[in-house]
Amino acid sequence: MSRSHTVLLAALACIGGAAFAQAGPCTTQIAEVERYLARIKPGPASGPTAPQSIGAQLHHQPTPGSVQSAEAKARADADAALERARQADAAGDAGACTKALDEAKMLYGLE
């Protein structure tokens, strides 16, 4: 092997090692969730959810506005949980990252 090939391989190894070293404790799991979210077709059956409210148990139909409001809140909560996971991952905080990612998965119905 020539000297230029050796130098090139060493440089590639350093670059690859540096990129791997920058990955956080749950980068892979966050990427899996993001890939899943990119593949699903948006809609009521595929978006984030929230627990049933007390108002929903009063045996009357929700208004279109209350449905939209609940969907928007669930989406905002799920997006916020995923963002907290990204921030904790960037900070190297595995516990906070896992907790936020678990919350995002639950809201998106992935667990």
N, C-alpha and C. Protein backbone atom coordinates (compact mmCIF):
# COMPACT_ATOMS: atom_id res chain seq x y z
N MET A 1 0.86 -1.17 0.00
CA MET A 1 0.00 0.00 0.00
C MET A 1 0.90 1.23 0.00
N SER A 2 0.53 2.21 -0.80
CA SER A 2 1.35 3.40 -0.90
C SER A 2 1.10 4.31 0.31
N ARG A 3 2.02 5.22 0.48
CA ARG A 3 1.94 6.15 1.60
C ARG A 3 0.67 7.00 1.50
N SER A 4 0.27 7.43 0.31
CA SER A 4 -0.92 8.26 0.15
C SER A 4 -2.19 7.49 0.54
N HIS A 5 -2.22 6.20 0.24
CA HIS A 5 -3.36 5.38 0.64
C HIS A 5 -3.42 5.24 2.17
N THR A 6 -2.28 5.08 2.78
CA THR A 6 -2.23 4.96 4.23
C THR A 6 -2.71 6.24 4.90
N VAL A 7 -2.26 7.38 4.39
CA VAL A 7 -2.67 8.67 4.94
C VAL A 7 -4.17 8.86 4.74
N LEU A 8 -4.68 8.51 3.57
CA LEU A 8 -6.10 8.65 3.29
C LEU A 8 -6.93 7.78 4.22
N LEU A 9 -6.54 6.54 4.43
CA LEU A 9 -7.26 5.65 5.34
C LEU A 9 -7.23 6.16 6.78
N ALA A 10 -6.09 6.67 7.20
CA ALA A 10 -5.99 7.22 8.55
C ALA A 10 -6.89 8.44 8.71
N ALA A 11 -6.94 9.29 7.71
CA ALA A 11 -7.80 10.48 7.76
C ALA A 11 -9.27 10.08 7.81
N LEU A 12 -9.66 9.10 7.00
CA LEU A 12 -11.04 8.64 7.02
C LEU A 12 -11.40 8.02 8.37
N ALA A 13 -10.49 7.29 8.96
CA ALA A 13 -10.74 6.70 10.27
C ALA A 13 -10.93 7.77 11.34
N CYS A 14 -10.13 8.82 11.27
CA CYS A 14 -10.27 9.92 12.24
C CYS A 14 -11.59 10.66 12.06
N ILE A 15 -11.95 10.92 10.82
CA ILE A 15 -13.21 11.62 10.55
C ILE A 15 -14.38 10.77 10.99
N GLY A 16 -14.38 9.50 10.64
CA GLY A 16 -15.46 8.59 11.05
C GLY A 16 -15.53 8.46 12.55
N GLY A 17 -14.40 8.38 13.22
CA GLY A 17 -14.38 8.28 14.67
C GLY A 17 -14.90 9.54 15.33
N ALA A 18 -14.59 10.68 14.76
CA ALA A 18 -15.07 11.94 15.33
C ALA A 18 -16.58 12.06 15.18
N ALA A 19 -17.11 11.63 14.05
CA ALA A 19 -18.56 11.70 13.85
C ALA A 19 -19.26 10.75 14.81
N PHE A 20 -18.71 9.58 15.03
CA PHE A 20 -19.32 8.62 15.95
C PHE A 20 -19.23 9.13 17.38
N ALA A 21 -18.15 9.77 17.74
CA ALA A 21 -17.96 10.26 19.11
C ALA A 21 -18.94 11.38 19.45
N GLN A 22 -19.46 12.09 18.43
CA GLN A 22 -20.38 13.18 18.69
C GLN A 22 -21.81 12.71 18.91
N ALA A 23 -22.09 11.44 18.62
CA ALA A 23 -23.44 10.93 18.81
C ALA A 23 -23.77 10.88 20.30
N GLY A 24 -24.99 11.26 20.63
CA GLY A 24 -25.44 11.25 22.02
C GLY A 24 -25.89 9.86 22.44
N PRO A 25 -26.34 9.74 23.69
CA PRO A 25 -26.70 8.43 24.23
C PRO A 25 -27.94 7.81 23.60
N CYS A 26 -28.81 8.62 22.98
CA CYS A 26 -29.99 8.00 22.35
C CYS A 26 -30.24 8.57 20.95
N THR A 27 -29.16 8.93 20.27
CA THR A 27 -29.26 9.45 18.91
C THR A 27 -29.94 8.45 17.98
N THR A 28 -29.59 7.19 18.11
CA THR A 28 -30.15 6.17 17.24
C THR A 28 -31.65 6.03 17.45
N GLN A 29 -32.09 6.03 18.71
CA GLN A 29 -33.52 5.89 19.00
C GLN A 29 -34.31 7.10 18.50
N ILE A 30 -33.74 8.30 18.65
CA ILE A 30 -34.40 9.50 18.16
C ILE A 30 -34.53 9.42 16.64
N ALA A 31 -33.49 8.98 15.97
CA ALA A 31 -33.52 8.85 14.51
C ALA A 31 -34.59 7.84 14.07
N GLU A 32 -34.75 6.75 14.83
CA GLU A 32 -35.78 5.76 14.50
C GLU A 32 -37.17 6.37 14.59
N VAL A 33 -37.43 7.13 15.65
CA VAL A 33 -38.73 7.78 15.82
C VAL A 33 -38.95 8.78 14.69
N GLU A 34 -37.93 9.57 14.37
CA GLU A 34 -38.07 10.56 13.31
C GLU A 34 -38.32 9.89 11.96
N ARG A 35 -37.65 8.77 11.68
CA ARG A 35 -37.88 8.04 10.43
C ARG A 35 -39.32 7.53 10.38
N TYR A 36 -39.81 7.01 11.50
CA TYR A 36 -41.18 6.53 11.54
C TYR A 36 -42.16 7.67 11.27
N LEU A 37 -41.95 8.80 11.92
CA LEU A 37 -42.84 9.95 11.75
C LEU A 37 -42.82 10.48 10.33
N ALA A 38 -41.68 10.38 9.66
CA ALA A 38 -41.57 10.85 8.27
C ALA A 38 -42.33 9.92 7.32
N ARG A 39 -42.49 8.65 7.70
CA ARG A 39 -43.14 7.67 6.83
C ARG A 39 -44.66 7.65 6.97
N ILE A 40 -45.19 8.04 8.13
CA ILE A 40 -46.62 7.90 8.34
C ILE A 40 -47.40 9.01 7.64
N LYS A 41 -48.60 8.67 7.24
CA LYS A 41 -49.48 9.64 6.60
C LYS A 41 -50.21 10.41 7.70
N PRO A 42 -50.12 11.74 7.71
CA PRO A 42 -50.78 12.51 8.75
C PRO A 42 -52.30 12.27 8.76
N GLY A 43 -52.84 12.19 9.95
CA GLY A 43 -54.28 11.99 10.09
C GLY A 43 -54.63 11.64 11.52
N PRO A 44 -55.93 11.56 11.82
CA PRO A 44 -56.34 11.30 13.19
C PRO A 44 -55.88 9.95 13.73
N ALA A 45 -55.76 8.96 12.85
CA ALA A 45 -55.34 7.63 13.30
C ALA A 45 -53.83 7.52 13.47
N SER A 46 -53.07 8.46 12.95
CA SER A 46 -51.62 8.33 12.99
C SER A 46 -50.92 9.43 13.78
N GLY A 47 -51.64 10.43 14.21
CA GLY A 47 -51.02 11.53 14.93
C GLY A 47 -50.88 11.24 16.41
N PRO A 48 -50.32 12.18 17.13
CA PRO A 48 -50.17 12.01 18.57
C PRO A 48 -51.53 11.97 19.26
N THR A 49 -51.56 11.34 20.40
CA THR A 49 -52.80 11.23 21.18
C THR A 49 -52.56 11.71 22.59
N ALA A 50 -53.64 11.87 23.32
CA ALA A 50 -53.57 12.26 24.72
C ALA A 50 -54.61 11.43 25.48
N PRO A 51 -54.48 11.34 26.79
CA PRO A 51 -55.49 10.61 27.55
C PRO A 51 -56.87 11.24 27.40
N GLN A 52 -57.90 10.43 27.55
CA GLN A 52 -59.27 10.92 27.47
C GLN A 52 -59.54 11.91 28.60
N SER A 53 -60.15 13.03 28.25
CA SER A 53 -60.45 14.06 29.25
C SER A 53 -61.73 13.72 30.00
N ILE A 54 -61.94 14.38 31.12
CA ILE A 54 -63.18 14.23 31.89
C ILE A 54 -64.36 14.66 31.03
N GLY A 55 -64.20 15.75 30.29
CA GLY A 55 -65.27 16.25 29.43
C GLY A 55 -65.71 15.22 28.40
N ALA A 56 -64.80 14.39 27.94
CA ALA A 56 -65.14 13.37 26.95
C ALA A 56 -65.99 12.26 27.55
N GLN A 57 -66.08 12.19 28.84
CA GLN A 57 -66.85 11.14 29.51
C GLN A 57 -68.25 11.59 29.87
N LEU A 58 -68.66 12.78 29.43
CA LEU A 58 -69.96 13.31 29.79
C LEU A 58 -71.08 12.93 28.82
N HIS A 59 -70.82 12.01 27.92
CA HIS A 59 -71.81 11.44 27.00
C HIS A 59 -72.42 12.47 26.05
N HIS A 60 -71.62 13.38 25.56
CA HIS A 60 -72.07 14.27 24.49
C HIS A 60 -70.94 14.40 23.48
N GLN A 61 -71.31 14.74 22.27
CA GLN A 61 -70.34 14.81 21.18
C GLN A 61 -69.43 16.03 21.32
N PRO A 62 -68.16 15.85 21.00
CA PRO A 62 -67.25 17.01 21.04
C PRO A 62 -67.53 17.93 19.86
N THR A 63 -67.20 19.17 20.02
CA THR A 63 -67.34 20.11 18.91
C THR A 63 -66.13 19.98 17.99
N PRO A 64 -66.26 20.35 16.74
CA PRO A 64 -65.09 20.31 15.85
C PRO A 64 -63.93 21.13 16.41
N GLY A 65 -64.25 22.25 17.04
CA GLY A 65 -63.20 23.10 17.62
C GLY A 65 -62.47 22.42 18.76
N SER A 66 -63.21 21.69 19.61
CA SER A 66 -62.56 21.02 20.73
C SER A 66 -61.69 19.86 20.24
N VAL A 67 -62.12 19.21 19.16
CA VAL A 67 -61.31 18.14 18.57
C VAL A 67 -60.01 18.72 18.01
N GLN A 68 -60.12 19.81 17.26
CA GLN A 68 -58.93 20.45 16.70
C GLN A 68 -57.99 20.93 17.79
N SER A 69 -58.57 21.49 18.84
CA SER A 69 -57.76 21.97 19.95
C SER A 69 -57.01 20.82 20.63
N ALA A 70 -57.71 19.72 20.85
CA ALA A 70 -57.08 18.55 21.49
C ALA A 70 -55.98 17.98 20.60
N GLU A 71 -56.23 17.92 19.29
CA GLU A 71 -55.21 17.41 18.36
C GLU A 71 -53.98 18.31 18.35
N ALA A 72 -54.21 19.62 18.34
CA ALA A 72 -53.09 20.57 18.33
C ALA A 72 -52.28 20.46 19.62
N LYS A 73 -52.97 20.32 20.76
CA LYS A 73 -52.26 20.18 22.04
C LYS A 73 -51.45 18.89 22.08
N ALA A 74 -52.04 17.80 21.60
CA ALA A 74 -51.32 16.51 21.59
C ALA A 74 -50.08 16.61 20.69
N ARG A 75 -50.24 17.24 19.53
CA ARG A 75 -49.10 17.40 18.61
C ARG A 75 -48.01 18.25 19.24
N ALA A 76 -48.41 19.35 19.90
CA ALA A 76 -47.44 20.23 20.54
C ALA A 76 -46.73 19.51 21.68
N ASP A 77 -47.47 18.74 22.47
CA ASP A 77 -46.86 17.99 23.57
C ASP A 77 -45.87 16.95 23.05
N ALA A 78 -46.25 16.24 21.98
CA ALA A 78 -45.37 15.22 21.41
C ALA A 78 -44.12 15.84 20.80
N ASP A 79 -44.31 16.95 20.07
CA ASP A 79 -43.16 17.65 19.48
C ASP A 79 -42.22 18.18 20.56
N ALA A 80 -42.80 18.70 21.66
CA ALA A 80 -41.98 19.21 22.76
C ALA A 80 -41.19 18.09 23.43
N ALA A 81 -41.82 16.92 23.59
CA ALA A 81 -41.12 15.79 24.20
C ALA A 81 -39.96 15.33 23.30
N LEU A 82 -40.19 15.29 22.00
CA LEU A 82 -39.12 14.90 21.08
C LEU A 82 -38.00 15.93 21.08
N GLU A 83 -38.33 17.21 21.19
CA GLU A 83 -37.30 18.25 21.26
C GLU A 83 -36.51 18.15 22.56
N ARG A 84 -37.19 17.84 23.67
CA ARG A 84 -36.47 17.64 24.94
C ARG A 84 -35.52 16.45 24.83
N ALA A 85 -35.94 15.42 24.11
CA ALA A 85 -35.06 14.26 23.90
C ALA A 85 -33.82 14.67 23.10
N ARG A 86 -34.02 15.46 22.07
CA ARG A 86 -32.88 15.93 21.25
C ARG A 86 -31.90 16.76 22.10
N GLN A 87 -32.46 17.66 22.92
CA GLN A 87 -31.61 18.52 23.75
C GLN A 87 -30.85 17.70 24.79
N ALA A 88 -31.52 16.76 25.43
CA ALA A 88 -30.85 15.91 26.42
C ALA A 88 -29.80 15.04 25.74
N ASP A 89 -30.09 14.56 24.54
CA ASP A 89 -29.14 13.76 23.79
C ASP A 89 -27.89 14.58 23.47
N ALA A 90 -28.09 15.82 23.04
CA ALA A 90 -26.96 16.70 22.72
C ALA A 90 -26.13 17.01 23.96
N ALA A 91 -26.80 17.06 25.12
CA ALA A 91 -26.10 17.34 26.37
C ALA A 91 -25.48 16.08 26.98
N GLY A 92 -25.76 14.92 26.38
CA GLY A 92 -25.21 13.67 26.90
C GLY A 92 -25.95 13.13 28.10
N ASP A 93 -27.16 13.60 28.35
CA ASP A 93 -27.96 13.18 29.51
C ASP A 93 -28.86 12.01 29.11
N ALA A 94 -28.36 10.80 29.29
CA ALA A 94 -29.08 9.59 28.85
C ALA A 94 -30.41 9.43 29.57
N GLY A 95 -30.46 9.70 30.86
CA GLY A 95 -31.69 9.53 31.62
C GLY A 95 -32.80 10.45 31.14
N ALA A 96 -32.48 11.73 31.00
CA ALA A 96 -33.48 12.70 30.53
C ALA A 96 -33.88 12.42 29.09
N CYS A 97 -32.92 11.99 28.29
CA CYS A 97 -33.20 11.68 26.89
C CYS A 97 -34.17 10.51 26.80
N THR A 98 -33.90 9.45 27.54
CA THR A 98 -34.76 8.27 27.53
C THR A 98 -36.16 8.61 28.02
N LYS A 99 -36.24 9.39 29.09
CA LYS A 99 -37.54 9.77 29.64
C LYS A 99 -38.35 10.57 28.62
N ALA A 100 -37.74 11.57 28.00
CA ALA A 100 -38.44 12.40 27.01
C ALA A 100 -38.80 11.59 25.78
N LEU A 101 -37.92 10.70 25.35
CA LEU A 101 -38.20 9.88 24.18
C LEU A 101 -39.33 8.90 24.47
N ASP A 102 -39.36 8.34 25.67
CA ASP A 102 -40.47 7.45 26.06
C ASP A 102 -41.80 8.21 26.05
N GLU A 103 -41.78 9.45 26.52
CA GLU A 103 -42.99 10.27 26.51
C GLU A 103 -43.44 10.54 25.07
N ALA A 104 -42.50 10.88 24.20
CA ALA A 104 -42.85 11.14 22.80
C ALA A 104 -43.41 9.88 22.15
N LYS A 105 -42.80 8.74 22.40
CA LYS A 105 -43.30 7.48 21.84
C LYS A 105 -44.71 7.18 22.33
N MET A 106 -44.97 7.41 23.61
CA MET A 106 -46.29 7.16 24.16
C MET A 106 -47.32 8.09 23.51
N LEU A 107 -46.98 9.35 23.36
CA LEU A 107 -47.90 10.30 22.75
C LEU A 107 -48.17 9.98 21.27
N TYR A 108 -47.16 9.47 20.58
CA TYR A 108 -47.33 9.09 19.18
C TYR A 108 -47.89 7.68 19.03
N GLY A 109 -48.12 6.99 20.14
CA GLY A 109 -48.68 5.65 20.10
C GLY A 109 -47.71 4.60 19.61
N LEU A 110 -46.43 4.80 19.86
CA LEU A 110 -45.41 3.86 19.41
C LEU A 110 -45.08 2.81 20.45
N GLU A 111 -45.64 2.91 21.64
CA GLU A 111 -45.37 1.92 22.67
C GLU A 111 -46.64 1.42 23.27
